[in-house]
Structure formats: structure tokens, C-alpha cells
């Protein structure tokens, strides 16, 4: 491995710390808003860009409920299913509009959300999180391939390392852009199917 490729390994170490919260860590008892915020902000602390940022706030959660993205709490308490939906919302909120998130989560909420003690969404969440190690491994391979593609560029330039990193960022940003278009198209199709 080339020395200038070592920065990818550091980013991959950071990514490996960003695994989704294990379903068994999510409390099985209903929580009040402050307890929800404490749990999520503590468990997703590592995803914040700046120390002053909050992962989720009371206002955000209330807006999700007001916009029918998240079912309203039962007597001001949030169930394990609420928590699972909030985790999905957190991962979607930087890519999708609130309307797209509602469309995406609506079938889960309608068919699997339960206020009782047995979580209907827990099994779905467990299956999704069971493949995260494979997804991180594939991401690692993809990033190394992307670096290989740009590592020969700008070889005659004095600022070649900066330009290679810029090209690398452009390449992976384009990948994210294309995936976002795909996700939005699939969500639009879900919305269209529901109207039919």
C-alpha cells in the first residue's frame, strides 16, 4: 500500500466506529423525551461533526411527530419501536426530505409499529444491522478502488497530493450523488404505488 493511501485506512477506522446501535442496546421500556435524547445523543455522539452539535433535539422529534414521520408518543413515552424509527430517521435526514422519509417509513409504521412490549420493528432492524459489517467491507474495497483510480493523476504537478485528494473526494461524492438519485427515485416510486 502506498503511503499516500494510508489516510483511507484512518477514515475506515472512523467508519467502523459508526456502526448502527445494536438492537439489544435499545431500551425495552418506554422512555420520556429527555431519556430518548440522552440515549440517542450518547450512542451517536461519534457522528457529530462539531462538539456543540446535537444528534437529535426535542424540536426535531416533535416535528417528526407533527409531520407524521414518527407516531406520536403514548402518554409522552416513546417505545422501542419509536426509538428504532428515530434511528432510521437520523440516518436518512441528511439525504432525504422529510416527505421522502415519511413515504419510506410509512409502510413500516403501518405494518410493524406496535406500542406494546413486543417490538414489531426490532426483527427488521436486527436483519438490517446484521449486514453492516459486510457493507463496511464493501465500502472499504470501493474506497481503495476509487483511490487507485485517482492515484496516477496529476503526477507532473507540485500539488499532486492535494489534487489527488480533491479528485478522490469528487469521485466518491459523485457516487453518493448517484445513490441519492437512486434512493429518491425508489421513494418516488413507493409514493406513486401507494396512490394507485
C-alpha atoms as a PDB file:
ATOM      1  CA  UNK A   1       0.000   0.000   0.000  1.00  0.00           C
ATOM      2  CA  UNK A   2       1.276   3.414  -0.947  1.00  0.00           C
ATOM      3  CA  UNK A   3       1.965   5.861   1.920  1.00  0.00           C
ATOM      4  CA  UNK A   4      -0.491   8.382   0.459  1.00  0.00           C
ATOM      5  CA  UNK A   5      -3.214   5.721   0.674  1.00  0.00           C
ATOM      6  CA  UNK A   6      -2.864   5.468   4.464  1.00  0.00           C
ATOM      7  CA  UNK A   7      -5.364   8.259   5.057  1.00  0.00           C
ATOM      8  CA  UNK A   8      -8.089   5.954   3.708  1.00  0.00           C
ATOM      9  CA  UNK A   9      -7.292   3.471   6.469  1.00  0.00           C
ATOM     10  CA  UNK A  10      -7.807   6.194   9.077  1.00  0.00           C
ATOM     11  CA  UNK A  11     -11.172   7.127   7.590  1.00  0.00           C
ATOM     12  CA  UNK A  12     -12.158   3.462   7.509  1.00  0.00           C
ATOM     13  CA  UNK A  13     -11.272   3.171  11.208  1.00  0.00           C
ATOM     14  CA  UNK A  14     -13.629   6.079  11.864  1.00  0.00           C
ATOM     15  CA  UNK A  15     -16.358   4.458   9.761  1.00  0.00           C
ATOM     16  CA  UNK A  16     -16.035   1.166  11.625  1.00  0.00           C
ATOM     17  CA  UNK A  17     -16.839   3.068  14.848  1.00  0.00           C
ATOM     18  CA  UNK A  18     -20.042   4.334  13.231  1.00  0.00           C
ATOM     19  CA  UNK A  19     -21.952   1.089  13.268  1.00  0.00           C
ATOM     20  CA  UNK A  20     -25.654   1.251  13.922  1.00  0.00           C
ATOM     21  CA  UNK A  21     -26.735   0.789  17.525  1.00  0.00           C
ATOM     22  CA  UNK A  22     -27.285  -2.870  18.382  1.00  0.00           C
ATOM     23  CA  UNK A  23     -30.989  -3.656  18.900  1.00  0.00           C
ATOM     24  CA  UNK A  24     -30.247  -5.156  22.311  1.00  0.00           C
ATOM     25  CA  UNK A  25     -28.871  -1.806  23.490  1.00  0.00           C
ATOM     26  CA  UNK A  26     -32.163  -0.043  22.774  1.00  0.00           C
ATOM     27  CA  UNK A  27     -34.246   0.065  25.970  1.00  0.00           C
ATOM     28  CA  UNK A  28     -37.288  -2.221  26.099  1.00  0.00           C
ATOM     29  CA  UNK A  29     -39.134   0.149  28.398  1.00  0.00           C
ATOM     30  CA  UNK A  30     -40.951   3.307  27.328  1.00  0.00           C
ATOM     31  CA  UNK A  31     -38.862   6.458  27.706  1.00  0.00           C
ATOM     32  CA  UNK A  32     -39.693  10.101  28.239  1.00  0.00           C
ATOM     33  CA  UNK A  33     -38.321  12.654  25.767  1.00  0.00           C
ATOM     34  CA  UNK A  34     -35.295  13.560  27.901  1.00  0.00           C
ATOM     35  CA  UNK A  35     -34.368   9.882  28.229  1.00  0.00           C
ATOM     36  CA  UNK A  36     -34.732   9.388  24.454  1.00  0.00           C
ATOM     37  CA  UNK A  37     -32.462  12.361  23.776  1.00  0.00           C
ATOM     38  CA  UNK A  38     -29.890  11.199  26.314  1.00  0.00           C
ATOM     39  CA  UNK A  39     -29.796   7.690  24.862  1.00  0.00           C
ATOM     40  CA  UNK A  40     -29.536   8.756  21.217  1.00  0.00           C
ATOM     41  CA  UNK A  41     -27.120  11.629  21.796  1.00  0.00           C
ATOM     42  CA  UNK A  42     -24.812   9.399  23.861  1.00  0.00           C
ATOM     43  CA  UNK A  43     -24.895   6.474  21.418  1.00  0.00           C
ATOM     44  CA  UNK A  44     -24.456   8.602  18.297  1.00  0.00           C
ATOM     45  CA  UNK A  45     -22.050  11.146  19.796  1.00  0.00           C
ATOM     46  CA  UNK A  46     -19.293   9.939  17.475  1.00  0.00           C
ATOM     47  CA  UNK A  47     -21.308  11.003  14.406  1.00  0.00           C
ATOM     48  CA  UNK A  48     -21.323  14.700  15.299  1.00  0.00           C
ATOM     49  CA  UNK A  49     -19.110  16.955  13.243  1.00  0.00           C
ATOM     50  CA  UNK A  50     -18.685  19.601  15.948  1.00  0.00           C
ATOM     51  CA  UNK A  51     -18.723  19.248  19.730  1.00  0.00           C
ATOM     52  CA  UNK A  52     -21.588  21.724  20.109  1.00  0.00           C
ATOM     53  CA  UNK A  53     -23.865  19.817  17.711  1.00  0.00           C
ATOM     54  CA  UNK A  54     -26.778  17.700  18.902  1.00  0.00           C
ATOM     55  CA  UNK A  55     -27.627  14.450  17.147  1.00  0.00           C
ATOM     56  CA  UNK A  56     -31.347  14.965  17.765  1.00  0.00           C
ATOM     57  CA  UNK A  57     -33.265  17.628  19.637  1.00  0.00           C
ATOM     58  CA  UNK A  58     -36.706  17.809  21.231  1.00  0.00           C
ATOM     59  CA  UNK A  59     -37.800  20.170  18.443  1.00  0.00           C
ATOM     60  CA  UNK A  60     -36.678  17.717  15.743  1.00  0.00           C
ATOM     61  CA  UNK A  61     -38.537  14.814  17.347  1.00  0.00           C
ATOM     62  CA  UNK A  62     -41.689  16.912  17.818  1.00  0.00           C
ATOM     63  CA  UNK A  63     -41.501  17.971  14.147  1.00  0.00           C
ATOM     64  CA  UNK A  64     -41.186  14.335  13.045  1.00  0.00           C
ATOM     65  CA  UNK A  65     -44.338  13.501  15.024  1.00  0.00           C
ATOM     66  CA  UNK A  66     -46.164  16.625  13.775  1.00  0.00           C
ATOM     67  CA  UNK A  67     -45.296  15.714  10.160  1.00  0.00           C
ATOM     68  CA  UNK A  68     -46.420  12.082  10.603  1.00  0.00           C
ATOM     69  CA  UNK A  69     -42.917  10.714  10.138  1.00  0.00           C
ATOM     70  CA  UNK A  70     -42.925   9.341  13.686  1.00  0.00           C
ATOM     71  CA  UNK A  71     -46.045   8.133  15.518  1.00  0.00           C
ATOM     72  CA  UNK A  72     -46.961  10.281  18.498  1.00  0.00           C
ATOM     73  CA  UNK A  73     -45.735   9.044  21.858  1.00  0.00           C
ATOM     74  CA  UNK A  74     -48.113   7.161  24.126  1.00  0.00           C
ATOM     75  CA  UNK A  75     -48.705   9.292  27.247  1.00  0.00           C
ATOM     76  CA  UNK A  76     -45.483  11.202  26.483  1.00  0.00           C
ATOM     77  CA  UNK A  77     -43.484   7.967  26.396  1.00  0.00           C
ATOM     78  CA  UNK A  78     -41.555   6.567  23.452  1.00  0.00           C
ATOM     79  CA  UNK A  79     -41.440   2.803  22.854  1.00  0.00           C
ATOM     80  CA  UNK A  80     -38.615   0.705  21.432  1.00  0.00           C
ATOM     81  CA  UNK A  81     -40.331   0.985  18.044  1.00  0.00           C
ATOM     82  CA  UNK A  82     -40.226   4.793  18.350  1.00  0.00           C
ATOM     83  CA  UNK A  83     -36.507   4.537  19.083  1.00  0.00           C
ATOM     84  CA  UNK A  84     -35.886   2.330  16.043  1.00  0.00           C
ATOM     85  CA  UNK A  85     -37.787   4.741  13.798  1.00  0.00           C
ATOM     86  CA  UNK A  86     -35.802   7.658  15.227  1.00  0.00           C
ATOM     87  CA  UNK A  87     -32.575   5.830  14.371  1.00  0.00           C
ATOM     88  CA  UNK A  88     -33.751   5.274  10.789  1.00  0.00           C
ATOM     89  CA  UNK A  89     -34.796   8.938  10.591  1.00  0.00           C
ATOM     90  CA  UNK A  90     -31.388  10.008  11.839  1.00  0.00           C
ATOM     91  CA  UNK A  91     -29.606   8.087   9.089  1.00  0.00           C
ATOM     92  CA  UNK A  92     -31.988   9.346   6.386  1.00  0.00           C
ATOM     93  CA  UNK A  93     -32.301  13.001   7.445  1.00  0.00           C
ATOM     94  CA  UNK A  94     -29.088  14.191   5.806  1.00  0.00           C
ATOM     95  CA  UNK A  95     -30.015  12.716   2.441  1.00  0.00           C
ATOM     96  CA  UNK A  96     -33.774  12.841   2.108  1.00  0.00           C
ATOM     97  CA  UNK A  97     -36.547  15.369   2.574  1.00  0.00           C
ATOM     98  CA  UNK A  98     -38.962  14.907   5.446  1.00  0.00           C
ATOM     99  CA  UNK A  99     -41.639  13.951   2.889  1.00  0.00           C
ATOM    100  CA  UNK A 100     -39.421  11.248   1.409  1.00  0.00           C
ATOM    101  CA  UNK A 101     -38.614   9.911   4.878  1.00  0.00           C
ATOM    102  CA  UNK A 102     -42.354   9.788   5.673  1.00  0.00           C
ATOM    103  CA  UNK A 103     -43.017   7.882   2.441  1.00  0.00           C
ATOM    104  CA  UNK A 104     -40.183   5.474   3.177  1.00  0.00           C
ATOM    105  CA  UNK A 105     -41.189   4.792   6.788  1.00  0.00           C
ATOM    106  CA  UNK A 106     -44.973   4.790   6.315  1.00  0.00           C
ATOM    107  CA  UNK A 107     -45.241   1.092   5.344  1.00  0.00           C
ATOM    108  CA  UNK A 108     -43.050   0.128   8.313  1.00  0.00           C
ATOM    109  CA  UNK A 109     -45.155   2.214  10.672  1.00  0.00           C
ATOM    110  CA  UNK A 110     -48.449   0.914   9.274  1.00  0.00           C
ATOM    111  CA  UNK A 111     -47.460  -2.752   9.221  1.00  0.00           C
ATOM    112  CA  UNK A 112     -44.918  -3.214  12.009  1.00  0.00           C
ATOM    113  CA  UNK A 113     -45.140  -0.409  14.583  1.00  0.00           C
ATOM    114  CA  UNK A 114     -46.534  -1.548  17.930  1.00  0.00           C
ATOM    115  CA  UNK A 115     -46.974   0.307  21.189  1.00  0.00           C
ATOM    116  CA  UNK A 116     -46.969  -2.887  23.248  1.00  0.00           C
ATOM    117  CA  UNK A 117     -43.961  -4.557  24.835  1.00  0.00           C
ATOM    118  CA  UNK A 118     -43.083  -6.736  21.814  1.00  0.00           C
ATOM    119  CA  UNK A 119     -41.331  -4.618  19.229  1.00  0.00           C
ATOM    120  CA  UNK A 120     -42.541  -5.279  15.692  1.00  0.00           C
ATOM    121  CA  UNK A 121     -39.726  -3.299  14.150  1.00  0.00           C
ATOM    122  CA  UNK A 122     -36.981  -4.937  16.179  1.00  0.00           C
ATOM    123  CA  UNK A 123     -36.651  -8.003  13.932  1.00  0.00           C
ATOM    124  CA  UNK A 124     -36.463  -5.789  10.835  1.00  0.00           C
ATOM    125  CA  UNK A 125     -33.839  -3.585  12.474  1.00  0.00           C
ATOM    126  CA  UNK A 126     -31.824  -6.656  13.549  1.00  0.00           C
ATOM    127  CA  UNK A 127     -31.778  -8.053   9.997  1.00  0.00           C
ATOM    128  CA  UNK A 128     -30.672  -4.731   8.552  1.00  0.00           C
ATOM    129  CA  UNK A 129     -27.905  -4.268  11.114  1.00  0.00           C
ATOM    130  CA  UNK A 130     -26.744  -7.875  10.638  1.00  0.00           C
ATOM    131  CA  UNK A 131     -25.244  -6.949   7.258  1.00  0.00           C
ATOM    132  CA  UNK A 132     -23.420  -3.779   8.321  1.00  0.00           C
ATOM    133  CA  UNK A 133     -20.021  -5.498   8.639  1.00  0.00           C
ATOM    134  CA  UNK A 134     -20.313  -6.707   5.042  1.00  0.00           C
ATOM    135  CA  UNK A 135     -21.378  -3.234   3.930  1.00  0.00           C
ATOM    136  CA  UNK A 136     -18.347  -1.660   5.633  1.00  0.00           C
ATOM    137  CA  UNK A 137     -16.077  -4.237   3.999  1.00  0.00           C
ATOM    138  CA  UNK A 138     -17.548  -3.439   0.569  1.00  0.00           C
ATOM    139  CA  UNK A 139     -17.149   0.262   1.248  1.00  0.00           C
ATOM    140  CA  UNK A 140     -13.508  -0.316   2.123  1.00  0.00           C
ATOM    141  CA  UNK A 141     -12.914  -2.118  -1.179  1.00  0.00           C
ATOM    142  CA  UNK A 142     -14.778   0.596  -3.076  1.00  0.00           C
ATOM    143  CA  UNK A 143     -12.720   3.379  -1.480  1.00  0.00           C
ATOM    144  CA  UNK A 144      -9.461   1.614  -2.264  1.00  0.00           C
ATOM    145  CA  UNK A 145     -10.557   1.192  -5.902  1.00  0.00           C
ATOM    146  CA  UNK A 146     -11.510   4.867  -6.082  1.00  0.00           C
ATOM    147  CA  UNK A 147      -8.102   5.835  -4.686  1.00  0.00           C
ATOM    148  CA  UNK A 148      -6.392   3.578  -7.229  1.00  0.00           C
ATOM    149  CA  UNK A 149      -8.291   5.385  -9.986  1.00  0.00           C
ATOM    150  CA  UNK A 150      -7.025   8.816  -8.924  1.00  0.00           C
ATOM    151  CA  UNK A 151      -3.582   7.900  -7.598  1.00  0.00           C
ATOM    152  CA  UNK A 152      -1.920   8.315 -11.003  1.00  0.00           C
ATOM    153  CA  UNK A 153      -3.486  11.678 -11.762  1.00  0.00           C
ATOM    154  CA  UNK A 154      -1.594  14.961 -11.670  1.00  0.00           C
ATOM    155  CA  UNK A 155       1.803  13.232 -11.470  1.00  0.00           C
ATOM    156  CA  UNK A 156       3.600  16.233 -13.006  1.00  0.00           C
ATOM    157  CA  UNK A 157       2.107  18.758 -10.586  1.00  0.00           C
ATOM    158  CA  UNK A 158       3.779  20.070  -7.423  1.00  0.00           C
ATOM    159  CA  UNK A 159       0.452  19.965  -5.583  1.00  0.00           C
ATOM    160  CA  UNK A 160      -0.417  16.477  -6.834  1.00  0.00           C
ATOM    161  CA  UNK A 161      -1.328  15.111  -3.366  1.00  0.00           C
ATOM    162  CA  UNK A 162      -3.884  17.854  -2.767  1.00  0.00           C
ATOM    163  CA  UNK A 163      -5.288  17.445  -6.285  1.00  0.00           C
ATOM    164  CA  UNK A 164      -5.481  13.656  -5.895  1.00  0.00           C
ATOM    165  CA  UNK A 165      -7.399  14.002  -2.644  1.00  0.00           C
ATOM    166  CA  UNK A 166      -9.689  16.528  -4.329  1.00  0.00           C
ATOM    167  CA  UNK A 167     -10.248  14.110  -7.226  1.00  0.00           C
ATOM    168  CA  UNK A 168     -10.883  11.301  -4.722  1.00  0.00           C
ATOM    169  CA  UNK A 169     -13.471  13.423  -2.901  1.00  0.00           C
ATOM    170  CA  UNK A 170     -15.080  14.326  -6.242  1.00  0.00           C
ATOM    171  CA  UNK A 171     -15.248  10.657  -7.234  1.00  0.00           C
ATOM    172  CA  UNK A 172     -16.825   9.443  -4.008  1.00  0.00           C
ATOM    173  CA  UNK A 173     -19.141  12.486  -3.909  1.00  0.00           C
ATOM    174  CA  UNK A 174     -20.382  11.577  -7.375  1.00  0.00           C
ATOM    175  CA  UNK A 175     -21.015   8.047  -6.093  1.00  0.00           C
ATOM    176  CA  UNK A 176     -23.071   9.458  -3.186  1.00  0.00           C
ATOM    177  CA  UNK A 177     -24.919  11.774  -5.591  1.00  0.00           C
ATOM    178  CA  UNK A 178     -25.867   8.885  -7.885  1.00  0.00           C
ATOM    179  CA  UNK A 179     -27.000   6.759  -4.935  1.00  0.00           C
ATOM    180  CA  UNK A 180     -29.106   9.639  -3.634  1.00  0.00           C
ATOM    181  CA  UNK A 181     -30.814   9.985  -7.033  1.00  0.00           C
ATOM    182  CA  UNK A 182     -31.495   6.239  -6.984  1.00  0.00           C
ATOM    183  CA  UNK A 183     -32.917   6.403  -3.436  1.00  0.00           C
ATOM    184  CA  UNK A 184     -35.134   9.376  -4.303  1.00  0.00           C
ATOM    185  CA  UNK A 185     -36.412   7.600  -7.444  1.00  0.00           C
ATOM    186  CA  UNK A 186     -37.247   4.491  -5.426  1.00  0.00           C
ATOM    187  CA  UNK A 187     -39.056   6.564  -2.778  1.00  0.00           C
ATOM    188  CA  UNK A 188     -40.993   8.406  -5.529  1.00  0.00           C
ATOM    189  CA  UNK A 189     -41.999   5.019  -6.931  1.00  0.00           C
ATOM    190  CA  UNK A 190     -43.195   3.925  -3.472  1.00  0.00           C
ATOM    191  CA  UNK A 191     -45.297   7.110  -3.213  1.00  0.00           C
ATOM    192  CA  UNK A 192     -46.713   6.560  -6.696  1.00  0.00           C
ATOM    193  CA  UNK A 193     -47.566   2.912  -5.916  1.00  0.00           C
ATOM    194  CA  UNK A 194     -49.388   3.980  -2.758  1.00  0.00           C
ATOM    195  CA  UNK A 195     -51.531   6.463  -4.714  1.00  0.00           C
ATOM    196  CA  UNK A 196     -52.531   3.796  -7.266  1.00  0.00           C
END
